[in-house]
PDB file of all heavy atoms in Angstrom:
ATOM      1  N   CYS A   1       1.162   9.556  -6.246  1.00  0.00           N
ATOM      2  CA  CYS A   1       1.458   8.672  -5.128  1.00  0.00           C
ATOM      3  C   CYS A   1       2.953   8.407  -4.999  1.00  0.00           C
ATOM      4  O   CYS A   1       3.747   8.884  -5.801  1.00  0.00           O
ATOM      5  CB  CYS A   1       0.704   7.367  -5.311  1.00  0.00           C
ATOM      6  SG  CYS A   1       0.981   6.573  -6.895  1.00  0.00           S
ATOM      7  N   ARG A   2       3.276   7.616  -3.980  1.00  0.00           N
ATOM      8  CA  ARG A   2       4.629   7.133  -3.772  1.00  0.00           C
ATOM      9  C   ARG A   2       4.574   5.746  -3.149  1.00  0.00           C
ATOM     10  O   ARG A   2       3.587   5.364  -2.543  1.00  0.00           O
ATOM     11  CB  ARG A   2       5.488   8.017  -2.887  1.00  0.00           C
ATOM     12  CG  ARG A   2       4.882   9.094  -2.176  1.00  0.00           C
ATOM     13  CD  ARG A   2       5.752   9.950  -1.312  1.00  0.00           C
ATOM     14  NE  ARG A   2       6.996   9.378  -0.841  1.00  0.00           N
ATOM     15  CZ  ARG A   2       7.733   9.918   0.104  1.00  0.00           C
ATOM     16  NH1 ARG A   2       7.341  11.019   0.675  1.00  0.00           N
ATOM     17  NH2 ARG A   2       8.843   9.371   0.487  1.00  0.00           N
ATOM     18  N   THR A   3       5.664   5.039  -3.293  1.00  0.00           N
ATOM     19  CA  THR A   3       5.787   3.721  -2.686  1.00  0.00           C
ATOM     20  C   THR A   3       6.651   3.854  -1.435  1.00  0.00           C
ATOM     21  O   THR A   3       7.212   4.906  -1.158  1.00  0.00           O
ATOM     22  CB  THR A   3       6.448   2.721  -3.656  1.00  0.00           C
ATOM     23  OG1 THR A   3       7.722   3.236  -4.041  1.00  0.00           O
ATOM     24  CG2 THR A   3       5.592   2.497  -4.884  1.00  0.00           C
ATOM     25  N   ASN A   4       6.753   2.793  -0.679  1.00  0.00           N
ATOM     26  CA  ASN A   4       7.622   2.695   0.501  1.00  0.00           C
ATOM     27  C   ASN A   4       7.292   3.710   1.600  1.00  0.00           C
ATOM     28  O   ASN A   4       8.182   4.139   2.325  1.00  0.00           O
ATOM     29  CB  ASN A   4       9.100   2.829   0.110  1.00  0.00           C
ATOM     30  CG  ASN A   4       9.531   1.763  -0.854  1.00  0.00           C
ATOM     31  OD1 ASN A   4       8.995   0.662  -0.846  1.00  0.00           O
ATOM     32  ND2 ASN A   4      10.481   2.080  -1.707  1.00  0.00           N
ATOM     33  N   VAL A   5       6.042   4.096   1.737  1.00  0.00           N
ATOM     34  CA  VAL A   5       5.640   5.001   2.815  1.00  0.00           C
ATOM     35  C   VAL A   5       5.314   4.159   4.043  1.00  0.00           C
ATOM     36  O   VAL A   5       4.572   3.187   3.965  1.00  0.00           O
ATOM     37  CB  VAL A   5       4.418   5.853   2.396  1.00  0.00           C
ATOM     38  CG1 VAL A   5       3.920   6.698   3.558  1.00  0.00           C
ATOM     39  CG2 VAL A   5       4.769   6.726   1.214  1.00  0.00           C
ATOM     40  N   LYS A   6       5.871   4.535   5.181  1.00  0.00           N
ATOM     41  CA  LYS A   6       5.651   3.777   6.424  1.00  0.00           C
ATOM     42  C   LYS A   6       4.789   4.538   7.420  1.00  0.00           C
ATOM     43  O   LYS A   6       4.359   3.988   8.420  1.00  0.00           O
ATOM     44  CB  LYS A   6       7.002   3.469   7.080  1.00  0.00           C
ATOM     45  CG  LYS A   6       7.979   2.751   6.187  1.00  0.00           C
ATOM     46  CD  LYS A   6       7.496   1.365   5.832  1.00  0.00           C
ATOM     47  CE  LYS A   6       8.563   0.658   5.016  1.00  0.00           C
ATOM     48  NZ  LYS A   6       8.032  -0.259   4.061  1.00  0.00           N
ATOM     49  N   LYS A   7       4.525   5.818   7.159  1.00  0.00           N
ATOM     50  CA  LYS A   7       3.740   6.633   8.072  1.00  0.00           C
ATOM     51  C   LYS A   7       2.249   6.316   7.917  1.00  0.00           C
ATOM     52  O   LYS A   7       1.813   5.888   6.859  1.00  0.00           O
ATOM     53  CB  LYS A   7       3.983   8.114   7.778  1.00  0.00           C
ATOM     54  CG  LYS A   7       3.574   9.027   8.878  1.00  0.00           C
ATOM     55  CD  LYS A   7       4.073  10.427   8.602  1.00  0.00           C
ATOM     56  CE  LYS A   7       3.770  11.295   9.795  1.00  0.00           C
ATOM     57  NZ  LYS A   7       4.266  12.639   9.618  1.00  0.00           N
ATOM     58  N   HIS A   8       1.484   6.538   8.932  1.00  0.00           N
ATOM     59  CA  HIS A   8       0.033   6.337   8.952  1.00  0.00           C
ATOM     60  C   HIS A   8      -0.377   4.866   8.854  1.00  0.00           C
ATOM     61  O   HIS A   8      -1.502   4.569   8.476  1.00  0.00           O
ATOM     62  CB  HIS A   8      -0.658   7.125   7.839  1.00  0.00           C
ATOM     63  CG  HIS A   8      -0.306   8.566   7.804  1.00  0.00           C
ATOM     64  ND1 HIS A   8      -0.637   9.440   8.811  1.00  0.00           N
ATOM     65  CD2 HIS A   8       0.372   9.294   6.885  1.00  0.00           C
ATOM     66  CE1 HIS A   8      -0.196  10.639   8.509  1.00  0.00           C
ATOM     67  NE2 HIS A   8       0.436  10.586   7.348  1.00  0.00           N
ATOM     68  N   VAL A   9       0.503   3.959   9.181  1.00  0.00           N
ATOM     69  CA  VAL A   9       0.156   2.542   9.206  1.00  0.00           C
ATOM     70  C   VAL A   9      -0.624   2.280  10.481  1.00  0.00           C
ATOM     71  O   VAL A   9      -0.219   2.700  11.564  1.00  0.00           O
ATOM     72  CB  VAL A   9       1.423   1.659   9.145  1.00  0.00           C
ATOM     73  CG1 VAL A   9       1.056   0.186   9.274  1.00  0.00           C
ATOM     74  CG2 VAL A   9       2.169   1.905   7.857  1.00  0.00           C
ATOM     75  N   LYS A  10      -1.754   1.603  10.360  1.00  0.00           N
ATOM     76  CA  LYS A  10      -2.604   1.375  11.527  1.00  0.00           C
ATOM     77  C   LYS A  10      -2.067   0.290  12.449  1.00  0.00           C
ATOM     78  O   LYS A  10      -2.438   0.206  13.597  1.00  0.00           O
ATOM     79  CB  LYS A  10      -4.024   1.029  11.074  1.00  0.00           C
ATOM     80  CG  LYS A  10      -4.709   2.198  10.411  1.00  0.00           C
ATOM     81  CD  LYS A  10      -6.120   1.853  10.032  1.00  0.00           C
ATOM     82  CE  LYS A  10      -6.777   3.049   9.371  1.00  0.00           C
ATOM     83  NZ  LYS A  10      -8.118   2.750   8.922  1.00  0.00           N
ATOM     84  N   GLY A  11      -1.224  -0.561  11.958  1.00  0.00           N
ATOM     85  CA  GLY A  11      -0.610  -1.564  12.812  1.00  0.00           C
ATOM     86  C   GLY A  11      -1.545  -2.664  13.231  1.00  0.00           C
ATOM     87  O   GLY A  11      -1.560  -3.065  14.384  1.00  0.00           O
ATOM     88  N   THR A  12      -2.340  -3.173  12.299  1.00  0.00           N
ATOM     89  CA  THR A  12      -3.256  -4.259  12.622  1.00  0.00           C
ATOM     90  C   THR A  12      -2.530  -5.594  12.728  1.00  0.00           C
ATOM     91  O   THR A  12      -3.111  -6.567  13.178  1.00  0.00           O
ATOM     92  CB  THR A  12      -4.354  -4.371  11.547  1.00  0.00           C
ATOM     93  OG1 THR A  12      -3.752  -4.627  10.290  1.00  0.00           O
ATOM     94  CG2 THR A  12      -5.185  -3.102  11.487  1.00  0.00           C
ATOM     95  N   GLY A  13      -1.269  -5.635  12.305  1.00  0.00           N
ATOM     96  CA  GLY A  13      -0.504  -6.868  12.368  1.00  0.00           C
ATOM     97  C   GLY A  13      -0.652  -7.726  11.137  1.00  0.00           C
ATOM     98  O   GLY A  13       0.084  -8.681  10.948  1.00  0.00           O
ATOM     99  N   LYS A  14      -1.597  -7.418  10.281  1.00  0.00           N
ATOM    100  CA  LYS A  14      -1.822  -8.198   9.076  1.00  0.00           C
ATOM    101  C   LYS A  14      -1.290  -7.415   7.871  1.00  0.00           C
ATOM    102  O   LYS A  14      -1.791  -6.337   7.568  1.00  0.00           O
ATOM    103  CB  LYS A  14      -3.327  -8.449   8.909  1.00  0.00           C
ATOM    104  CG  LYS A  14      -3.683  -9.279   7.721  1.00  0.00           C
ATOM    105  CD  LYS A  14      -5.187  -9.490   7.660  1.00  0.00           C
ATOM    106  CE  LYS A  14      -5.560 -10.181   6.385  1.00  0.00           C
ATOM    107  NZ  LYS A  14      -7.002 -10.257   6.206  1.00  0.00           N
ATOM    108  N   PRO A  15      -0.265  -7.932   7.190  1.00  0.00           N
ATOM    109  CA  PRO A  15       0.274  -7.201   6.034  1.00  0.00           C
ATOM    110  C   PRO A  15      -0.708  -7.203   4.867  1.00  0.00           C
ATOM    111  O   PRO A  15      -1.543  -8.093   4.729  1.00  0.00           O
ATOM    112  CB  PRO A  15       1.545  -7.958   5.689  1.00  0.00           C
ATOM    113  CG  PRO A  15       1.384  -9.291   6.288  1.00  0.00           C
ATOM    114  CD  PRO A  15       0.465  -9.147   7.459  1.00  0.00           C
ATOM    115  N   SER A  16      -0.599  -6.189   4.033  1.00  0.00           N
ATOM    116  CA  SER A  16      -1.479  -6.059   2.877  1.00  0.00           C
ATOM    117  C   SER A  16      -1.231  -7.189   1.878  1.00  0.00           C
ATOM    118  O   SER A  16      -0.098  -7.627   1.682  1.00  0.00           O
ATOM    119  CB  SER A  16      -1.243  -4.715   2.189  1.00  0.00           C
ATOM    120  OG  SER A  16      -1.944  -4.652   0.977  1.00  0.00           O
ATOM    121  N   PHE A  17      -2.289  -7.637   1.217  1.00  0.00           N
ATOM    122  CA  PHE A  17      -2.162  -8.671   0.191  1.00  0.00           C
ATOM    123  C   PHE A  17      -1.328  -8.162  -0.986  1.00  0.00           C
ATOM    124  O   PHE A  17      -0.756  -8.935  -1.739  1.00  0.00           O
ATOM    125  CB  PHE A  17      -3.543  -9.122  -0.298  1.00  0.00           C
ATOM    126  CG  PHE A  17      -4.270  -8.066  -1.094  1.00  0.00           C
ATOM    127  CD1 PHE A  17      -4.174  -8.025  -2.471  1.00  0.00           C
ATOM    128  CD2 PHE A  17      -5.043  -7.108  -0.466  1.00  0.00           C
ATOM    129  CE1 PHE A  17      -4.835  -7.054  -3.211  1.00  0.00           C
ATOM    130  CE2 PHE A  17      -5.706  -6.134  -1.188  1.00  0.00           C
ATOM    131  CZ  PHE A  17      -5.605  -6.100  -2.567  1.00  0.00           C
ATOM    132  N   ALA A  18      -1.224  -6.849  -1.146  1.00  0.00           N
ATOM    133  CA  ALA A  18      -0.475  -6.270  -2.259  1.00  0.00           C
ATOM    134  C   ALA A  18       1.033  -6.394  -2.077  1.00  0.00           C
ATOM    135  O   ALA A  18       1.781  -6.162  -3.009  1.00  0.00           O
ATOM    136  CB  ALA A  18      -0.858  -4.807  -2.430  1.00  0.00           C
ATOM    137  N   LEU A  19       1.478  -6.757  -0.900  1.00  0.00           N
ATOM    138  CA  LEU A  19       2.912  -6.874  -0.648  1.00  0.00           C
ATOM    139  C   LEU A  19       3.483  -8.225  -1.065  1.00  0.00           C
ATOM    140  O   LEU A  19       4.695  -8.409  -1.037  1.00  0.00           O
ATOM    141  CB  LEU A  19       3.207  -6.618   0.834  1.00  0.00           C
ATOM    142  CG  LEU A  19       2.868  -5.212   1.325  1.00  0.00           C
ATOM    143  CD1 LEU A  19       3.104  -5.105   2.823  1.00  0.00           C
ATOM    144  CD2 LEU A  19       3.676  -4.172   0.576  1.00  0.00           C
ATOM    145  N   LYS A  20       2.642  -9.156  -1.457  1.00  0.00           N
ATOM    146  CA  LYS A  20       3.123 -10.462  -1.908  1.00  0.00           C
ATOM    147  C   LYS A  20       3.711 -10.331  -3.313  1.00  0.00           C
ATOM    148  O   LYS A  20       3.263  -9.528  -4.120  1.00  0.00           O
ATOM    149  CB  LYS A  20       1.978 -11.473  -1.916  1.00  0.00           C
ATOM    150  CG  LYS A  20       1.433 -11.764  -0.538  1.00  0.00           C
ATOM    151  CD  LYS A  20       0.322 -12.762  -0.608  1.00  0.00           C
ATOM    152  CE  LYS A  20      -0.256 -13.014   0.773  1.00  0.00           C
ATOM    153  NZ  LYS A  20      -1.398 -13.935   0.729  1.00  0.00           N
ATOM    154  N   ASP A  21       4.721 -11.126  -3.599  1.00  0.00           N
ATOM    155  CA  ASP A  21       5.409 -11.041  -4.892  1.00  0.00           C
ATOM    156  C   ASP A  21       4.666 -11.724  -6.031  1.00  0.00           C
ATOM    157  O   ASP A  21       4.920 -11.434  -7.194  1.00  0.00           O
ATOM    158  CB  ASP A  21       6.801 -11.673  -4.787  1.00  0.00           C
ATOM    159  CG  ASP A  21       7.723 -10.829  -3.922  1.00  0.00           C
ATOM    160  OD1 ASP A  21       7.512  -9.608  -3.846  1.00  0.00           O
ATOM    161  OD2 ASP A  21       8.663 -11.406  -3.342  1.00  0.00           O
ATOM    162  N   ASP A  22       3.745 -12.622  -5.724  1.00  0.00           N
ATOM    163  CA  ASP A  22       3.109 -13.426  -6.766  1.00  0.00           C
ATOM    164  C   ASP A  22       1.786 -12.851  -7.278  1.00  0.00           C
ATOM    165  O   ASP A  22       0.992 -13.562  -7.877  1.00  0.00           O
ATOM    166  CB  ASP A  22       2.893 -14.846  -6.256  1.00  0.00           C
ATOM    167  CG  ASP A  22       1.984 -14.893  -5.034  1.00  0.00           C
ATOM    168  OD1 ASP A  22       1.792 -13.835  -4.397  1.00  0.00           O
ATOM    169  OD2 ASP A  22       1.478 -15.983  -4.720  1.00  0.00           O
ATOM    170  N   ASN A  23       1.552 -11.565  -7.063  1.00  0.00           N
ATOM    171  CA  ASN A  23       0.318 -10.967  -7.572  1.00  0.00           C
ATOM    172  C   ASN A  23       0.634  -9.682  -8.333  1.00  0.00           C
ATOM    173  O   ASN A  23       1.725  -9.134  -8.207  1.00  0.00           O
ATOM    174  CB  ASN A  23      -0.683 -10.719  -6.436  1.00  0.00           C
ATOM    175  CG  ASN A  23      -0.190  -9.710  -5.421  1.00  0.00           C
ATOM    176  OD1 ASN A  23       0.621  -8.858  -5.716  1.00  0.00           O
ATOM    177  ND2 ASN A  23      -0.685  -9.814  -4.207  1.00  0.00           N
ATOM    178  N   PRO A  24      -0.302  -9.182  -9.130  1.00  0.00           N
ATOM    179  CA  PRO A  24      -0.034  -7.996  -9.954  1.00  0.00           C
ATOM    180  C   PRO A  24      -0.320  -6.669  -9.251  1.00  0.00           C
ATOM    181  O   PRO A  24      -0.436  -5.644  -9.916  1.00  0.00           O
ATOM    182  CB  PRO A  24      -0.999  -8.194 -11.125  1.00  0.00           C
ATOM    183  CG  PRO A  24      -2.164  -8.884 -10.522  1.00  0.00           C
ATOM    184  CD  PRO A  24      -1.576  -9.810  -9.476  1.00  0.00           C
ATOM    185  N   TYR A  25      -0.419  -6.665  -7.938  1.00  0.00           N
ATOM    186  CA  TYR A  25      -0.805  -5.460  -7.213  1.00  0.00           C
ATOM    187  C   TYR A  25       0.394  -4.754  -6.598  1.00  0.00           C
ATOM    188  O   TYR A  25       1.369  -5.387  -6.203  1.00  0.00           O
ATOM    189  CB  TYR A  25      -1.817  -5.794  -6.123  1.00  0.00           C
ATOM    190  CG  TYR A  25      -3.047  -6.458  -6.657  1.00  0.00           C
ATOM    191  CD1 TYR A  25      -3.271  -7.811  -6.446  1.00  0.00           C
ATOM    192  CD2 TYR A  25      -3.972  -5.748  -7.400  1.00  0.00           C
ATOM    193  CE1 TYR A  25      -4.400  -8.424  -6.945  1.00  0.00           C
ATOM    194  CE2 TYR A  25      -5.099  -6.354  -7.909  1.00  0.00           C
ATOM    195  CZ  TYR A  25      -5.310  -7.694  -7.678  1.00  0.00           C
ATOM    196  OH  TYR A  25      -6.412  -8.305  -8.178  1.00  0.00           O
ATOM    197  N   GLN A  26       0.286  -3.429  -6.487  1.00  0.00           N
ATOM    198  CA  GLN A  26       1.330  -2.620  -5.864  1.00  0.00           C
ATOM    199  C   GLN A  26       0.684  -1.688  -4.850  1.00  0.00           C
ATOM    200  O   GLN A  26      -0.258  -0.971  -5.183  1.00  0.00           O
ATOM    201  CB  GLN A  26       2.067  -1.817  -6.934  1.00  0.00           C
ATOM    202  CG  GLN A  26       3.165  -0.945  -6.414  1.00  0.00           C
ATOM    203  CD  GLN A  26       4.361  -1.741  -5.923  1.00  0.00           C
ATOM    204  OE1 GLN A  26       4.719  -2.738  -6.515  1.00  0.00           O
ATOM    205  NE2 GLN A  26       4.946  -1.314  -4.841  1.00  0.00           N
ATOM    206  N   LEU A  27       1.183  -1.693  -3.628  1.00  0.00           N
ATOM    207  CA  LEU A  27       0.677  -0.822  -2.576  1.00  0.00           C
ATOM    208  C   LEU A  27       1.364   0.535  -2.683  1.00  0.00           C
ATOM    209  O   LEU A  27       2.589   0.613  -2.747  1.00  0.00           O
ATOM    210  CB  LEU A  27       0.953  -1.435  -1.203  1.00  0.00           C
ATOM    211  CG  LEU A  27       0.412  -0.672   0.000  1.00  0.00           C
ATOM    212  CD1 LEU A  27      -1.115  -0.687  -0.007  1.00  0.00           C
ATOM    213  CD2 LEU A  27       0.949  -1.275   1.282  1.00  0.00           C
ATOM    214  N   VAL A  28       0.567   1.609  -2.732  1.00  0.00           N
ATOM    215  CA  VAL A  28       1.090   2.973  -2.838  1.00  0.00           C
ATOM    216  C   VAL A  28       0.365   3.860  -1.826  1.00  0.00           C
ATOM    217  O   VAL A  28      -0.695   3.503  -1.331  1.00  0.00           O
ATOM    218  CB  VAL A  28       0.923   3.559  -4.262  1.00  0.00           C
ATOM    219  CG1 VAL A  28       1.706   2.752  -5.277  1.00  0.00           C
ATOM    220  CG2 VAL A  28      -0.531   3.644  -4.657  1.00  0.00           C
ATOM    221  N   TYR A  29       0.950   5.024  -1.567  1.00  0.00           N
ATOM    222  CA  TYR A  29       0.322   6.009  -0.699  1.00  0.00           C
ATOM    223  C   TYR A  29      -0.192   7.144  -1.576  1.00  0.00           C
ATOM    224  O   TYR A  29       0.574   7.797  -2.277  1.00  0.00           O
ATOM    225  CB  TYR A  29       1.318   6.536   0.341  1.00  0.00           C
ATOM    226  CG  TYR A  29       0.689   7.475   1.336  1.00  0.00           C
ATOM    227  CD1 TYR A  29      -0.056   6.983   2.389  1.00  0.00           C
ATOM    228  CD2 TYR A  29       0.820   8.845   1.211  1.00  0.00           C
ATOM    229  CE1 TYR A  29      -0.649   7.831   3.307  1.00  0.00           C
ATOM    230  CE2 TYR A  29       0.233   9.709   2.123  1.00  0.00           C
ATOM    231  CZ  TYR A  29      -0.502   9.184   3.168  1.00  0.00           C
ATOM    232  OH  TYR A  29      -1.096  10.029   4.063  1.00  0.00           O
ATOM    233  N   ASP A  30      -1.502   7.377  -1.555  1.00  0.00           N
ATOM    234  CA  ASP A  30      -2.146   8.420  -2.353  1.00  0.00           C
ATOM    235  C   ASP A  30      -1.925   9.758  -1.660  1.00  0.00           C
ATOM    236  O   ASP A  30      -2.385   9.970  -0.537  1.00  0.00           O
ATOM    237  CB  ASP A  30      -3.642   8.113  -2.477  1.00  0.00           C
ATOM    238  CG  ASP A  30      -4.379   9.049  -3.399  1.00  0.00           C
ATOM    239  OD1 ASP A  30      -3.856  10.132  -3.718  1.00  0.00           O
ATOM    240  OD2 ASP A  30      -5.495   8.691  -3.817  1.00  0.00           O
ATOM    241  N   LEU A  31      -1.237  10.671  -2.328  1.00  0.00           N
ATOM    242  CA  LEU A  31      -0.908  11.960  -1.730  1.00  0.00           C
ATOM    243  C   LEU A  31      -2.092  12.908  -1.685  1.00  0.00           C
ATOM    244  O   LEU A  31      -2.118  13.822  -0.863  1.00  0.00           O
ATOM    245  CB  LEU A  31       0.246  12.604  -2.497  1.00  0.00           C
ATOM    246  CG  LEU A  31       1.550  11.814  -2.459  1.00  0.00           C
ATOM    247  CD1 LEU A  31       2.557  12.411  -3.418  1.00  0.00           C
ATOM    248  CD2 LEU A  31       2.097  11.764  -1.057  1.00  0.00           C
ATOM    249  N   GLN A  32      -3.086  12.720  -2.547  1.00  0.00           N
ATOM    250  CA  GLN A  32      -4.258  13.590  -2.546  1.00  0.00           C
ATOM    251  C   GLN A  32      -5.263  13.174  -1.482  1.00  0.00           C
ATOM    252  O   GLN A  32      -5.804  14.008  -0.769  1.00  0.00           O
ATOM    253  CB  GLN A  32      -4.910  13.584  -3.926  1.00  0.00           C
ATOM    254  CG  GLN A  32      -4.012  14.193  -4.986  1.00  0.00           C
ATOM    255  CD  GLN A  32      -4.503  13.924  -6.386  1.00  0.00           C
ATOM    256  OE1 GLN A  32      -5.013  12.846  -6.676  1.00  0.00           O
ATOM    257  NE2 GLN A  32      -4.349  14.907  -7.249  1.00  0.00           N
ATOM    258  N   LYS A  33      -5.527  11.890  -1.367  1.00  0.00           N
ATOM    259  CA  LYS A  33      -6.503  11.397  -0.395  1.00  0.00           C
ATOM    260  C   LYS A  33      -5.873  11.024   0.936  1.00  0.00           C
ATOM    261  O   LYS A  33      -6.572  10.632   1.861  1.00  0.00           O
ATOM    262  CB  LYS A  33      -7.246  10.199  -0.983  1.00  0.00           C
ATOM    263  CG  LYS A  33      -8.081  10.589  -2.191  1.00  0.00           C
ATOM    264  CD  LYS A  33      -8.963   9.458  -2.641  1.00  0.00           C
ATOM    265  CE  LYS A  33      -9.828   9.915  -3.800  1.00  0.00           C
ATOM    266  NZ  LYS A  33     -10.731   8.880  -4.258  1.00  0.00           N
ATOM    267  N   LYS A  34      -4.549  11.102   1.006  1.00  0.00           N
ATOM    268  CA  LYS A  34      -3.798  10.817   2.228  1.00  0.00           C
ATOM    269  C   LYS A  34      -4.154   9.455   2.816  1.00  0.00           C
ATOM    270  O   LYS A  34      -4.540   9.322   3.970  1.00  0.00           O
ATOM    271  CB  LYS A  34      -4.001  11.926   3.248  1.00  0.00           C
ATOM    272  CG  LYS A  34      -3.438  13.251   2.785  1.00  0.00           C
ATOM    273  CD  LYS A  34      -3.587  14.299   3.846  1.00  0.00           C
ATOM    274  CE  LYS A  34      -2.865  15.549   3.552  1.00  0.00           C
ATOM    275  NZ  LYS A  34      -3.156  16.325   2.437  1.00  0.00           N
ATOM    276  N   GLY A  35      -4.005   8.448   1.975  1.00  0.00           N
ATOM    277  CA  GLY A  35      -4.273   7.090   2.415  1.00  0.00           C
ATOM    278  C   GLY A  35      -3.628   6.090   1.479  1.00  0.00           C
ATOM    279  O   GLY A  35      -3.175   6.435   0.385  1.00  0.00           O
ATOM    280  N   TYR A  36      -3.589   4.850   1.914  1.00  0.00           N
ATOM    281  CA  TYR A  36      -2.999   3.790   1.107  1.00  0.00           C
ATOM    282  C   TYR A  36      -3.994   3.298   0.066  1.00  0.00           C
ATOM    283  O   TYR A  36      -5.184   3.173   0.343  1.00  0.00           O
ATOM    284  CB  TYR A  36      -2.552   2.635   2.002  1.00  0.00           C
ATOM    285  CG  TYR A  36      -1.356   2.998   2.846  1.00  0.00           C
ATOM    286  CD1 TYR A  36      -1.519   3.494   4.132  1.00  0.00           C
ATOM    287  CD2 TYR A  36      -0.075   2.874   2.343  1.00  0.00           C
ATOM    288  CE1 TYR A  36      -0.425   3.845   4.898  1.00  0.00           C
ATOM    289  CE2 TYR A  36       1.030   3.224   3.099  1.00  0.00           C
ATOM    290  CZ  TYR A  36       0.844   3.706   4.377  1.00  0.00           C
ATOM    291  OH  TYR A  36       1.928   4.070   5.128  1.00  0.00           O
ATOM    292  N   ARG A  37      -3.501   3.019  -1.121  1.00  0.00           N
ATOM    293  CA  ARG A  37      -4.305   2.480  -2.209  1.00  0.00           C
ATOM    294  C   ARG A  37      -3.523   1.346  -2.872  1.00  0.00           C
ATOM    295  O   ARG A  37      -2.302   1.265  -2.739  1.00  0.00           O
ATOM    296  CB  ARG A  37      -4.609   3.542  -3.272  1.00  0.00           C
ATOM    297  CG  ARG A  37      -5.341   4.769  -2.750  1.00  0.00           C
ATOM    298  CD  ARG A  37      -6.778   4.404  -2.352  1.00  0.00           C
ATOM    299  NE  ARG A  37      -7.523   5.564  -1.917  1.00  0.00           N
ATOM    300  CZ  ARG A  37      -7.693   5.957  -0.665  1.00  0.00           C
ATOM    301  NH1 ARG A  37      -7.136   5.271   0.309  1.00  0.00           N
ATOM    302  NH2 ARG A  37      -8.409   7.013  -0.368  1.00  0.00           N
ATOM    303  N   VAL A  38      -4.233   0.513  -3.609  1.00  0.00           N
ATOM    304  CA  VAL A  38      -3.612  -0.591  -4.324  1.00  0.00           C
ATOM    305  C   VAL A  38      -3.826  -0.375  -5.817  1.00  0.00           C
ATOM    306  O   VAL A  38      -4.934  -0.130  -6.263  1.00  0.00           O
ATOM    307  CB  VAL A  38      -4.231  -1.941  -3.876  1.00  0.00           C
ATOM    308  CG1 VAL A  38      -3.684  -3.080  -4.701  1.00  0.00           C
ATOM    309  CG2 VAL A  38      -3.967  -2.172  -2.400  1.00  0.00           C
ATOM    310  N   ILE A  39      -2.734  -0.455  -6.581  1.00  0.00           N
ATOM    311  CA  ILE A  39      -2.790  -0.327  -8.036  1.00  0.00           C
ATOM    312  C   ILE A  39      -2.660  -1.715  -8.635  1.00  0.00           C
ATOM    313  O   ILE A  39      -1.746  -2.464  -8.296  1.00  0.00           O
ATOM    314  CB  ILE A  39      -1.653   0.568  -8.566  1.00  0.00           C
ATOM    315  CG1 ILE A  39      -1.833   1.996  -8.081  1.00  0.00           C
ATOM    316  CG2 ILE A  39      -1.592   0.521 -10.079  1.00  0.00           C
ATOM    317  CD1 ILE A  39      -0.707   2.922  -8.486  1.00  0.00           C
ATOM    318  N   ASN A  40      -3.569  -2.048  -9.542  1.00  0.00           N
ATOM    319  CA  ASN A  40      -3.480  -3.300 -10.278  1.00  0.00           C
ATOM    320  C   ASN A  40      -2.583  -3.054 -11.488  1.00  0.00           C
ATOM    321  O   ASN A  40      -2.933  -2.319 -12.399  1.00  0.00           O
ATOM    322  CB  ASN A  40      -4.863  -3.759 -10.722  1.00  0.00           C
ATOM    323  CG  ASN A  40      -4.845  -5.100 -11.401  1.00  0.00           C
ATOM    324  OD1 ASN A  40      -3.805  -5.631 -11.764  1.00  0.00           O
ATOM    325  ND2 ASN A  40      -6.015  -5.680 -11.577  1.00  0.00           N
ATOM    326  N   CYS A  41      -1.419  -3.666 -11.503  1.00  0.00           N
ATOM    327  CA  CYS A  41      -0.455  -3.438 -12.584  1.00  0.00           C
ATOM    328  C   CYS A  41      -0.921  -4.019 -13.911  1.00  0.00           C
ATOM    329  O   CYS A  41      -0.436  -3.610 -14.965  1.00  0.00           O
ATOM    330  CB  CYS A  41       0.901  -4.006 -12.196  1.00  0.00           C
ATOM    331  SG  CYS A  41       1.653  -3.124 -10.816  1.00  0.00           S
TER     332      CYS A  41
END
C-alpha cells in the first residue's frame, strides 16, 4: 500500500475516521485490491 493517495476518492463529503489524530488507525490505499483500507497501528 501507500499513504497520501487522493485518486479514486468518492467525494461523499465525510472524511474517514482514520484521518483523526487521536486514534490508532491509518488510512492507506491497497495497491492489490485498488481501494482504500484502514490499518490498526
